[in-house]
Amino acid sequence: MPCLNISTNVSLDGVDTSSILSEATSSVAKIIGKPENYVMIVLKGSVPMAFGGTEDPAAYGELVSIGGLNPDVNKQLSAAVSAILETKLSVPKSRFFLKFYDTKAILKGHFFSRLVTLCRGPSLVGTDRLSRFRRRK
C-alpha cells in the first residue's frame, strides 16, 4: 500500500483539500501501477517549516511503497506531486522535497530477524522443521 505523507507550512483553511487528495491518489496509483484503493495520502498544513532559511511556502513529503519505486518512477512522482502542490497550494516546485522508501528490502530484513528470533525461542529450538533455518557453524 503506497502512502504519501505531505507536510507544508501553508494553511489549509479555505483550501479544497479533497481535490488535492484525489489528484495525489490518482497520480500515485497511475505512476506506481497500484490500484487507487491501495493508496493513502496524508496532508498536514500549517506545519512550522523553514526551507533555505526562509519560511516562504514550502513542503516536505515521504512516499513509502512496497515495491514499484525506481529512479524513473521517483522522478515522475516528484514532478506530479510538485505540480499539484504548486497549482493548489502555491508551493513552488523548487521548495518541495520528496523522500522515497521502498520497503521490500526492509521487510525482508524484518522477516529474517523475526524468523531468527522464533528459531531461538525455547519452545522451538531443536524442532526438525525449523532447524534448517538456524545458522550452520
Protein backbone atom coordinates (compact mmCIF):
# COMPACT_ATOMS: atom_id res chain seq x y z
CA MET A 1 0.00 0.00 0.00
CA PRO A 2 1.72 3.22 -1.11
CA CYS A 3 1.45 6.05 1.41
CA LEU A 4 2.27 9.65 0.56
CA ASN A 5 2.67 11.86 3.62
CA ILE A 6 2.92 15.60 2.84
CA SER A 7 3.59 18.38 5.34
CA THR A 8 3.51 22.04 4.39
CA ASN A 9 3.77 25.37 6.15
CA VAL A 10 0.83 26.63 4.08
CA SER A 11 -2.50 26.93 5.91
CA LEU A 12 -5.17 24.57 4.59
CA ASP A 13 -8.02 26.78 5.85
CA GLY A 14 -10.29 27.50 2.91
CA VAL A 15 -8.37 25.11 0.63
CA ASP A 16 -10.19 22.34 -1.22
CA THR A 17 -8.15 19.52 0.31
CA SER A 18 -10.41 16.88 -1.26
CA SER A 19 -9.18 17.82 -4.73
CA ILE A 20 -5.55 17.64 -3.58
CA LEU A 21 -6.11 14.22 -2.01
CA SER A 22 -7.97 12.98 -5.09
CA GLU A 23 -5.36 14.20 -7.59
CA ALA A 24 -2.48 12.88 -5.49
CA THR A 25 -4.18 9.49 -5.11
CA SER A 26 -4.78 9.23 -8.83
CA SER A 27 -1.23 10.30 -9.73
CA VAL A 28 0.50 7.97 -7.26
CA ALA A 29 -1.63 4.99 -8.30
CA LYS A 30 -1.08 5.59 -12.01
CA ILE A 31 2.67 6.18 -11.79
CA ILE A 32 3.46 3.33 -9.38
CA GLY A 33 1.00 0.97 -11.06
CA LYS A 34 -1.08 0.14 -7.98
CA PRO A 35 -4.87 0.33 -7.62
CA GLU A 36 -6.19 3.61 -6.19
CA ASN A 37 -7.93 1.77 -3.36
CA TYR A 38 -4.47 0.80 -2.01
CA VAL A 39 -3.09 4.37 -2.00
CA MET A 40 -3.09 6.51 1.16
CA ILE A 41 -2.45 10.26 1.16
CA VAL A 42 -1.86 12.27 4.35
CA LEU A 43 -1.83 16.07 4.09
CA LYS A 44 -0.83 18.29 7.02
CA GLY A 45 -0.92 22.07 6.83
CA SER A 46 0.36 24.93 8.98
CA VAL A 47 3.42 22.92 9.97
CA PRO A 48 6.27 25.16 11.17
CA MET A 49 8.84 24.77 8.41
CA ALA A 50 11.83 26.63 7.00
CA PHE A 51 13.46 25.74 3.70
CA GLY A 52 16.57 27.54 2.50
CA GLY A 53 16.49 29.76 5.56
CA THR A 54 13.04 31.22 4.85
CA GLU A 55 9.52 30.38 5.89
CA ASP A 56 8.11 31.05 2.42
CA PRO A 57 5.64 28.39 1.22
CA ALA A 58 7.37 25.00 1.25
CA ALA A 59 6.52 21.32 1.59
CA TYR A 60 8.14 18.04 2.58
CA GLY A 61 6.86 14.63 1.59
CA GLU A 62 7.64 10.98 2.17
CA LEU A 63 6.37 8.24 -0.08
CA VAL A 64 6.50 4.67 1.20
CA SER A 65 5.71 1.77 -1.10
CA ILE A 66 6.20 -1.98 -1.12
CA GLY A 67 7.89 -2.21 -4.49
CA GLY A 68 7.09 -0.14 -7.56
CA LEU A 69 9.77 2.51 -6.98
CA ASN A 70 12.85 3.13 -9.12
CA PRO A 71 14.71 6.27 -10.25
CA ASP A 72 12.42 6.87 -13.26
CA VAL A 73 9.23 6.37 -11.23
CA ASN A 74 10.60 8.61 -8.47
CA LYS A 75 11.19 11.44 -11.00
CA GLN A 76 7.66 11.08 -12.32
CA LEU A 77 6.21 11.09 -8.80
CA SER A 78 8.23 14.17 -7.82
CA ALA A 79 7.04 16.03 -10.91
CA ALA A 80 3.39 15.06 -10.42
CA VAL A 81 3.21 15.84 -6.69
CA SER A 82 5.12 19.11 -7.01
CA ALA A 83 2.77 20.20 -9.82
CA ILE A 84 -0.25 19.52 -7.59
CA LEU A 85 1.30 21.48 -4.69
CA GLU A 86 2.23 24.38 -6.95
CA THR A 87 -1.24 24.56 -8.50
CA LYS A 88 -3.32 24.00 -5.36
CA LEU A 89 -1.16 25.49 -2.58
CA SER A 90 1.21 27.87 -4.42
CA VAL A 91 4.26 25.94 -3.20
CA PRO A 92 6.98 26.46 -5.84
CA LYS A 93 8.47 23.26 -7.24
CA SER A 94 11.87 24.43 -6.02
CA ARG A 95 10.60 24.46 -2.41
CA PHE A 96 9.36 20.88 -2.25
CA PHE A 97 11.38 17.87 -1.15
CA LEU A 98 10.12 14.28 -1.55
CA LYS A 99 11.83 11.30 0.10
CA PHE A 100 11.19 7.75 -1.14
CA TYR A 101 11.16 4.49 0.81
CA ASP A 102 10.88 1.14 -0.95
CA THR A 103 10.03 -1.18 1.92
CA LYS A 104 10.59 -4.51 0.18
CA ALA A 105 14.23 -4.62 1.29
CA ILE A 106 13.33 -3.55 4.81
CA LEU A 107 10.58 -6.17 5.07
CA LYS A 108 12.90 -8.97 4.03
CA GLY A 109 15.30 -7.99 6.78
CA HIS A 110 12.45 -7.69 9.27
CA PHE A 111 11.13 -11.14 8.32
CA PHE A 112 14.56 -12.71 8.69
CA SER A 113 15.17 -11.14 12.10
CA ARG A 114 11.75 -12.38 13.30
CA LEU A 115 12.48 -15.85 11.95
CA VAL A 116 15.81 -15.96 13.79
CA THR A 117 14.05 -14.84 16.99
CA LEU A 118 11.48 -17.59 16.59
CA CYS A 119 14.14 -20.20 15.94
CA ARG A 120 15.99 -19.21 19.09
CA GLY A 121 12.87 -19.36 21.24
CA PRO A 122 12.98 -22.12 23.89
CA SER A 123 9.84 -23.85 22.65
CA LEU A 124 11.05 -24.17 19.06
CA VAL A 125 14.76 -24.92 19.40
CA GLY A 126 15.58 -28.33 18.05
CA THR A 127 12.37 -28.91 16.15
CA ASP A 128 13.03 -30.55 12.81
CA ARG A 129 11.07 -28.10 10.67
CA LEU A 130 12.92 -25.02 11.99
CA SER A 131 16.39 -26.49 12.39
CA ARG A 132 17.19 -25.84 8.71
CA PHE A 133 16.84 -22.08 9.32
CA ARG A 134 19.44 -21.98 12.07
CA ARG A 135 22.92 -20.89 11.10
CA ARG A 136 25.32 -23.69 10.45
CA LYS A 137 28.70 -23.48 12.13
